PDB file of all heavy atoms in Angstrom:
ATOM      1  N   ARG A   1      54.302 244.420 263.565  1.00  0.00           N
ATOM      2  CA  ARG A   1      55.508 244.203 262.699  1.00  0.00           C
ATOM      3  C   ARG A   1      55.186 244.591 261.241  1.00  0.00           C
ATOM      4  O   ARG A   1      54.031 244.809 260.889  1.00  0.00           O
ATOM      5  CB  ARG A   1      55.882 242.691 262.661  1.00  0.00           C
ATOM      6  CG  ARG A   1      56.386 242.193 264.071  1.00  0.00           C
ATOM      7  CD  ARG A   1      57.732 242.822 264.529  1.00  0.00           C
ATOM      8  NE  ARG A   1      58.775 242.762 263.546  1.00  0.00           N
ATOM      9  CZ  ARG A   1      59.560 241.704 263.369  1.00  0.00           C
ATOM     10  NH1 ARG A   1      59.473 240.618 264.174  1.00  0.00           N
ATOM     11  NH2 ARG A   1      60.499 241.749 262.460  1.00  0.00           N
ATOM     12  N   TRP A   2      56.222 244.748 260.476  1.00  0.00           N
ATOM     13  CA  TRP A   2      56.113 245.050 259.045  1.00  0.00           C
ATOM     14  C   TRP A   2      55.190 246.256 258.820  1.00  0.00           C
ATOM     15  O   TRP A   2      54.270 246.136 257.994  1.00  0.00           O
ATOM     16  CB  TRP A   2      55.642 243.798 258.285  1.00  0.00           C
ATOM     17  CG  TRP A   2      56.635 242.682 258.306  1.00  0.00           C
ATOM     18  CD1 TRP A   2      56.595 241.528 259.079  1.00  0.00           C
ATOM     19  CD2 TRP A   2      57.818 242.572 257.529  1.00  0.00           C
ATOM     20  NE1 TRP A   2      57.701 240.774 258.845  1.00  0.00           N
ATOM     21  CE2 TRP A   2      58.470 241.351 257.832  1.00  0.00           C
ATOM     22  CE3 TRP A   2      58.430 243.383 256.579  1.00  0.00           C
ATOM     23  CZ2 TRP A   2      59.702 240.988 257.345  1.00  0.00           C
ATOM     24  CZ3 TRP A   2      59.627 242.994 255.992  1.00  0.00           C
ATOM     25  CH2 TRP A   2      60.278 241.768 256.345  1.00  0.00           C
ATOM     26  N   GLY A   3      55.528 247.284 259.499  1.00  0.00           N
ATOM     27  CA  GLY A   3      54.798 248.553 259.226  1.00  0.00           C
ATOM     28  C   GLY A   3      53.310 248.483 259.596  1.00  0.00           C
ATOM     29  O   GLY A   3      52.503 249.239 258.957  1.00  0.00           O
ATOM     30  N   GLY A   4      52.920 247.548 260.524  1.00  0.00           N
ATOM     31  CA  GLY A   4      51.529 247.496 260.888  1.00  0.00           C
ATOM     32  C   GLY A   4      50.746 246.551 260.098  1.00  0.00           C
ATOM     33  O   GLY A   4      49.530 246.390 260.269  1.00  0.00           O
ATOM     34  N   SER A   5      51.402 245.786 259.172  1.00  0.00           N
ATOM     35  CA  SER A   5      50.643 244.862 258.297  1.00  0.00           C
ATOM     36  C   SER A   5      50.341 243.494 258.958  1.00  0.00           C
ATOM     37  O   SER A   5      49.602 242.753 258.525  1.00  0.00           O
ATOM     38  CB  SER A   5      51.401 244.606 256.980  1.00  0.00           C
ATOM     39  OG  SER A   5      52.712 244.022 257.207  1.00  0.00           O
ATOM     40  N   LEU A   6      51.025 243.225 260.069  1.00  0.00           N
ATOM     41  CA  LEU A   6      50.753 241.991 260.792  1.00  0.00           C
ATOM     42  C   LEU A   6      51.133 242.122 262.272  1.00  0.00           C
ATOM     43  O   LEU A   6      51.806 243.046 262.664  1.00  0.00           O
ATOM     44  CB  LEU A   6      51.574 240.787 260.173  1.00  0.00           C
ATOM     45  CG  LEU A   6      53.112 240.863 260.158  1.00  0.00           C
ATOM     46  CD1 LEU A   6      53.665 240.368 261.535  1.00  0.00           C
ATOM     47  CD2 LEU A   6      53.637 239.996 259.088  1.00  0.00           C
ATOM     48  N   LEU A   7      50.582 241.178 263.082  1.00  0.00           N
ATOM     49  CA  LEU A   7      50.882 241.109 264.508  1.00  0.00           C
ATOM     50  C   LEU A   7      51.654 239.830 264.734  1.00  0.00           C
ATOM     51  O   LEU A   7      51.294 238.782 264.236  1.00  0.00           O
ATOM     52  CB  LEU A   7      49.571 241.108 265.313  1.00  0.00           C
ATOM     53  CG  LEU A   7      48.659 242.384 265.259  1.00  0.00           C
ATOM     54  CD1 LEU A   7      47.423 242.151 266.051  1.00  0.00           C
ATOM     55  CD2 LEU A   7      49.428 243.565 265.852  1.00  0.00           C
ATOM     56  N   GLU A   8      52.631 239.974 265.547  1.00  0.00           N
ATOM     57  CA  GLU A   8      53.536 238.823 265.823  1.00  0.00           C
ATOM     58  C   GLU A   8      53.430 238.450 267.294  1.00  0.00           C
ATOM     59  O   GLU A   8      53.493 239.398 268.168  1.00  0.00           O
ATOM     60  CB  GLU A   8      55.005 239.201 265.513  1.00  0.00           C
ATOM     61  CG  GLU A   8      55.982 238.093 265.932  1.00  0.00           C
ATOM     62  CD  GLU A   8      57.405 238.599 265.839  1.00  0.00           C
ATOM     63  OE1 GLU A   8      57.834 239.339 266.736  1.00  0.00           O
ATOM     64  OE2 GLU A   8      58.060 238.259 264.858  1.00  0.00           O
ATOM     65  N   GLU A   9      53.194 237.215 267.598  1.00  0.00           N
ATOM     66  CA  GLU A   9      53.249 236.746 268.988  1.00  0.00           C
ATOM     67  C   GLU A   9      54.623 236.166 269.294  1.00  0.00           C
ATOM     68  O   GLU A   9      55.134 235.348 268.521  1.00  0.00           O
ATOM     69  CB  GLU A   9      52.177 235.721 269.232  1.00  0.00           C
ATOM     70  CG  GLU A   9      52.027 235.272 270.730  1.00  0.00           C
ATOM     71  CD  GLU A   9      50.905 234.372 270.960  1.00  0.00           C
ATOM     72  OE1 GLU A   9      49.743 234.825 271.040  1.00  0.00           O
ATOM     73  OE2 GLU A   9      51.181 233.060 271.096  1.00  0.00           O
ATOM     74  N   ALA A  10      55.279 236.663 270.304  1.00  0.00           N
ATOM     75  CA  ALA A  10      56.644 236.222 270.625  1.00  0.00           C
ATOM     76  C   ALA A  10      56.794 236.016 272.069  1.00  0.00           C
ATOM     77  O   ALA A  10      56.021 236.519 272.932  1.00  0.00           O
ATOM     78  CB  ALA A  10      57.612 237.304 270.115  1.00  0.00           C
ATOM     79  N   LEU A  11      57.887 235.265 272.405  1.00  0.00           N
ATOM     80  CA  LEU A  11      58.231 235.055 273.811  1.00  0.00           C
ATOM     81  C   LEU A  11      59.287 236.068 274.207  1.00  0.00           C
ATOM     82  O   LEU A  11      60.298 236.259 273.444  1.00  0.00           O
ATOM     83  CB  LEU A  11      58.759 233.634 274.023  1.00  0.00           C
ATOM     84  CG  LEU A  11      57.776 232.532 273.724  1.00  0.00           C
ATOM     85  CD1 LEU A  11      58.432 231.149 273.930  1.00  0.00           C
ATOM     86  CD2 LEU A  11      56.521 232.615 274.572  1.00  0.00           C
ATOM     87  N   LEU A  12      59.113 236.671 275.357  1.00  0.00           N
ATOM     88  CA  LEU A  12      60.062 237.709 275.789  1.00  0.00           C
ATOM     89  C   LEU A  12      60.687 237.222 277.142  1.00  0.00           C
ATOM     90  O   LEU A  12      60.046 237.059 278.133  1.00  0.00           O
ATOM     91  CB  LEU A  12      59.363 239.056 276.034  1.00  0.00           C
ATOM     92  CG  LEU A  12      60.217 240.193 276.586  1.00  0.00           C
ATOM     93  CD1 LEU A  12      61.400 240.485 275.597  1.00  0.00           C
ATOM     94  CD2 LEU A  12      59.434 241.454 276.778  1.00  0.00           C
ATOM     95  N   HIS A  13      62.027 236.988 277.075  1.00  0.00           N
ATOM     96  CA  HIS A  13      62.733 236.551 278.193  1.00  0.00           C
ATOM     97  C   HIS A  13      63.373 237.782 278.930  1.00  0.00           C
ATOM     98  O   HIS A  13      63.340 238.879 278.438  1.00  0.00           O
ATOM     99  CB  HIS A  13      63.871 235.603 277.790  1.00  0.00           C
ATOM    100  CG  HIS A  13      63.352 234.365 277.109  1.00  0.00           C
ATOM    101  ND1 HIS A  13      63.234 233.156 277.794  1.00  0.00           N
ATOM    102  CD2 HIS A  13      62.927 234.174 275.857  1.00  0.00           C
ATOM    103  CE1 HIS A  13      62.768 232.244 276.931  1.00  0.00           C
ATOM    104  NE2 HIS A  13      62.664 232.876 275.738  1.00  0.00           N
ATOM    105  N   GLY A  14      64.009 237.538 280.056  1.00  0.00           N
ATOM    106  CA  GLY A  14      64.727 238.594 280.776  1.00  0.00           C
ATOM    107  C   GLY A  14      64.081 239.047 282.056  1.00  0.00           C
ATOM    108  O   GLY A  14      62.947 238.858 282.315  1.00  0.00           O
ATOM    109  N   SER A  15      64.930 239.694 282.863  1.00  0.00           N
ATOM    110  CA  SER A  15      64.468 240.289 284.081  1.00  0.00           C
ATOM    111  C   SER A  15      65.301 241.498 284.372  1.00  0.00           C
ATOM    112  O   SER A  15      66.560 241.414 284.561  1.00  0.00           O
ATOM    113  CB  SER A  15      64.632 239.273 285.279  1.00  0.00           C
ATOM    114  OG  SER A  15      64.201 239.869 286.479  1.00  0.00           O
ATOM    115  N   PRO A  16      64.667 242.687 284.269  1.00  0.00           N
ATOM    116  CA  PRO A  16      63.278 242.852 284.068  1.00  0.00           C
ATOM    117  C   PRO A  16      62.892 242.728 282.580  1.00  0.00           C
ATOM    118  O   PRO A  16      63.747 242.735 281.698  1.00  0.00           O
ATOM    119  CB  PRO A  16      63.056 244.312 284.502  1.00  0.00           C
ATOM    120  CG  PRO A  16      64.389 244.957 284.113  1.00  0.00           C
ATOM    121  CD  PRO A  16      65.391 243.952 284.455  1.00  0.00           C
ATOM    122  N   LEU A  17      61.610 242.558 282.347  1.00  0.00           N
ATOM    123  CA  LEU A  17      61.110 242.561 280.954  1.00  0.00           C
ATOM    124  C   LEU A  17      61.209 244.021 280.484  1.00  0.00           C
ATOM    125  O   LEU A  17      60.896 244.954 281.224  1.00  0.00           O
ATOM    126  CB  LEU A  17      59.605 242.163 280.927  1.00  0.00           C
ATOM    127  CG  LEU A  17      59.328 240.707 281.387  1.00  0.00           C
ATOM    128  CD1 LEU A  17      57.782 240.538 281.484  1.00  0.00           C
ATOM    129  CD2 LEU A  17      59.964 239.723 280.487  1.00  0.00           C
ATOM    130  N   ILE A  18      61.618 244.212 279.236  1.00  0.00           N
ATOM    131  CA  ILE A  18      61.770 245.531 278.688  1.00  0.00           C
ATOM    132  C   ILE A  18      61.027 245.646 277.392  1.00  0.00           C
ATOM    133  O   ILE A  18      61.228 244.798 276.431  1.00  0.00           O
ATOM    134  CB  ILE A  18      63.271 245.877 278.467  1.00  0.00           C
ATOM    135  CG1 ILE A  18      64.064 245.734 279.764  1.00  0.00           C
ATOM    136  CG2 ILE A  18      63.362 247.294 277.877  1.00  0.00           C
ATOM    137  CD1 ILE A  18      65.577 245.915 279.560  1.00  0.00           C
ATOM    138  N   LEU A  19      60.063 246.586 277.279  1.00  0.00           N
ATOM    139  CA  LEU A  19      59.253 246.701 276.030  1.00  0.00           C
ATOM    140  C   LEU A  19      58.709 248.122 275.923  1.00  0.00           C
ATOM    141  O   LEU A  19      58.653 248.901 276.893  1.00  0.00           O
ATOM    142  CB  LEU A  19      58.088 245.720 276.112  1.00  0.00           C
ATOM    143  CG  LEU A  19      57.033 245.925 277.184  1.00  0.00           C
ATOM    144  CD1 LEU A  19      55.647 245.670 276.650  1.00  0.00           C
ATOM    145  CD2 LEU A  19      57.292 244.999 278.366  1.00  0.00           C
ATOM    146  N   THR A  20      58.310 248.438 274.695  1.00  0.00           N
ATOM    147  CA  THR A  20      57.682 249.672 274.369  1.00  0.00           C
ATOM    148  C   THR A  20      56.239 249.332 273.849  1.00  0.00           C
ATOM    149  O   THR A  20      56.007 248.294 273.305  1.00  0.00           O
ATOM    150  CB  THR A  20      58.415 250.577 273.388  1.00  0.00           C
ATOM    151  OG1 THR A  20      58.549 249.881 272.154  1.00  0.00           O
ATOM    152  CG2 THR A  20      59.733 250.929 273.912  1.00  0.00           C
ATOM    153  N   VAL A  21      55.340 250.328 274.026  1.00  0.00           N
ATOM    154  CA  VAL A  21      53.950 250.133 273.660  1.00  0.00           C
ATOM    155  C   VAL A  21      53.734 250.778 272.263  1.00  0.00           C
ATOM    156  O   VAL A  21      54.098 251.972 272.068  1.00  0.00           O
ATOM    157  CB  VAL A  21      52.987 250.733 274.657  1.00  0.00           C
ATOM    158  CG1 VAL A  21      51.560 250.572 274.226  1.00  0.00           C
ATOM    159  CG2 VAL A  21      53.242 250.131 276.060  1.00  0.00           C
ATOM    160  N   ALA A  22      53.127 250.016 271.353  1.00  0.00           N
ATOM    161  CA  ALA A  22      52.857 250.568 269.996  1.00  0.00           C
ATOM    162  C   ALA A  22      51.957 251.807 270.091  1.00  0.00           C
ATOM    163  O   ALA A  22      51.050 251.813 270.905  1.00  0.00           O
ATOM    164  CB  ALA A  22      52.233 249.502 269.147  1.00  0.00           C
ATOM    165  N   PRO A  23      52.276 252.834 269.328  1.00  0.00           N
ATOM    166  CA  PRO A  23      51.449 254.035 269.345  1.00  0.00           C
ATOM    167  C   PRO A  23      49.983 253.725 269.071  1.00  0.00           C
ATOM    168  O   PRO A  23      49.684 252.964 268.142  1.00  0.00           O
ATOM    169  CB  PRO A  23      52.025 254.920 268.278  1.00  0.00           C
ATOM    170  CG  PRO A  23      53.451 254.503 268.174  1.00  0.00           C
ATOM    171  CD  PRO A  23      53.432 253.020 268.438  1.00  0.00           C
ATOM    172  N   HIS A  24      49.060 254.174 269.935  1.00  0.00           N
ATOM    173  CA  HIS A  24      47.668 254.061 269.792  1.00  0.00           C
ATOM    174  C   HIS A  24      47.199 252.593 269.932  1.00  0.00           C
ATOM    175  O   HIS A  24      46.053 252.314 269.485  1.00  0.00           O
ATOM    176  CB  HIS A  24      47.169 254.686 268.476  1.00  0.00           C
ATOM    177  CG  HIS A  24      47.697 256.089 268.230  1.00  0.00           C
ATOM    178  ND1 HIS A  24      47.360 257.128 269.061  1.00  0.00           N
ATOM    179  CD2 HIS A  24      48.544 256.574 267.298  1.00  0.00           C
ATOM    180  CE1 HIS A  24      48.011 258.231 268.567  1.00  0.00           C
ATOM    181  NE2 HIS A  24      48.738 257.874 267.555  1.00  0.00           N
ATOM    182  N   ALA A  25      47.942 251.808 270.524  1.00  0.00           N
ATOM    183  CA  ALA A  25      47.465 250.424 270.855  1.00  0.00           C
ATOM    184  C   ALA A  25      46.409 250.411 271.864  1.00  0.00           C
ATOM    185  O   ALA A  25      45.540 249.590 271.929  1.00  0.00           O
ATOM    186  CB  ALA A  25      48.670 249.529 271.254  1.00  0.00           C
ATOM    187  N   VAL A  26      46.539 251.383 272.805  1.00  0.00           N
ATOM    188  CA  VAL A  26      45.499 251.599 273.805  1.00  0.00           C
ATOM    189  C   VAL A  26      45.209 253.128 273.838  1.00  0.00           C
ATOM    190  O   VAL A  26      46.059 253.909 273.470  1.00  0.00           O
ATOM    191  CB  VAL A  26      45.960 251.114 275.157  1.00  0.00           C
ATOM    192  CG1 VAL A  26      46.175 249.630 275.204  1.00  0.00           C
ATOM    193  CG2 VAL A  26      47.207 251.872 275.648  1.00  0.00           C
ATOM    194  N   ALA A  27      44.055 253.482 274.270  1.00  0.00           N
ATOM    195  CA  ALA A  27      43.738 254.896 274.461  1.00  0.00           C
ATOM    196  C   ALA A  27      44.276 255.385 275.808  1.00  0.00           C
ATOM    197  O   ALA A  27      44.267 254.643 276.767  1.00  0.00           O
ATOM    198  CB  ALA A  27      42.200 255.086 274.406  1.00  0.00           C
ATOM    199  N   ALA A  28      44.768 256.593 275.818  1.00  0.00           N
ATOM    200  CA  ALA A  28      45.211 257.146 277.078  1.00  0.00           C
ATOM    201  C   ALA A  28      44.053 257.479 277.959  1.00  0.00           C
ATOM    202  O   ALA A  28      43.212 258.276 277.603  1.00  0.00           O
ATOM    203  CB  ALA A  28      46.020 258.439 276.791  1.00  0.00           C
ATOM    204  N   GLU A  29      43.986 256.810 279.171  1.00  0.00           N
ATOM    205  CA  GLU A  29      42.842 256.961 280.015  1.00  0.00           C
ATOM    206  C   GLU A  29      43.321 257.383 281.384  1.00  0.00           C
ATOM    207  O   GLU A  29      43.983 256.639 282.121  1.00  0.00           O
ATOM    208  CB  GLU A  29      42.090 255.667 280.105  1.00  0.00           C
ATOM    209  CG  GLU A  29      41.451 255.198 278.799  1.00  0.00           C
ATOM    210  CD  GLU A  29      40.646 253.904 278.993  1.00  0.00           C
ATOM    211  OE1 GLU A  29      40.687 253.367 280.043  1.00  0.00           O
ATOM    212  OE2 GLU A  29      39.988 253.520 277.992  1.00  0.00           O
ATOM    213  N   GLY A  30      43.011 258.645 281.735  1.00  0.00           N
ATOM    214  CA  GLY A  30      43.246 259.064 283.058  1.00  0.00           C
ATOM    215  C   GLY A  30      42.094 258.738 283.993  1.00  0.00           C
ATOM    216  O   GLY A  30      41.323 257.810 283.726  1.00  0.00           O
ATOM    217  N   GLY A  31      41.979 259.472 285.064  1.00  0.00           N
ATOM    218  CA  GLY A  31      40.839 259.240 285.983  1.00  0.00           C
ATOM    219  C   GLY A  31      41.148 258.336 287.099  1.00  0.00           C
ATOM    220  O   GLY A  31      40.223 258.036 287.867  1.00  0.00           O
ATOM    221  N   ALA A  32      42.432 257.931 287.236  1.00  0.00           N
ATOM    222  CA  ALA A  32      42.772 257.102 288.422  1.00  0.00           C
ATOM    223  C   ALA A  32      42.533 257.833 289.714  1.00  0.00           C
ATOM    224  O   ALA A  32      42.267 257.268 290.780  1.00  0.00           O
ATOM    225  CB  ALA A  32      44.160 256.585 288.321  1.00  0.00           C
ATOM    226  N   GLY A  33      42.713 259.195 289.651  1.00  0.00           N
ATOM    227  CA  GLY A  33      42.490 260.032 290.753  1.00  0.00           C
ATOM    228  C   GLY A  33      43.466 260.002 291.903  1.00  0.00           C
ATOM    229  O   GLY A  33      43.171 260.463 292.996  1.00  0.00           O
ATOM    230  N   ALA A  34      44.642 259.374 291.652  1.00  0.00           N
ATOM    231  CA  ALA A  34      45.588 259.230 292.705  1.00  0.00           C
ATOM    232  C   ALA A  34      46.545 260.383 292.743  1.00  0.00           C
ATOM    233  O   ALA A  34      46.751 261.079 291.700  1.00  0.00           O
ATOM    234  CB  ALA A  34      46.329 257.912 292.537  1.00  0.00           C
TER     235      ALA A  34
END
C-alpha cells in the first residue's frame, strides 16, 4: 500500500478469491518440468 511504503494485512472474502500479485513480490521460478 501507499506506493510501497507499508504492508497491509487484510481479510479477503468471496468465492472465488480474486487478487493480483505485487510486481517482484516473488521471483519467477520455472523448472517445474511439466
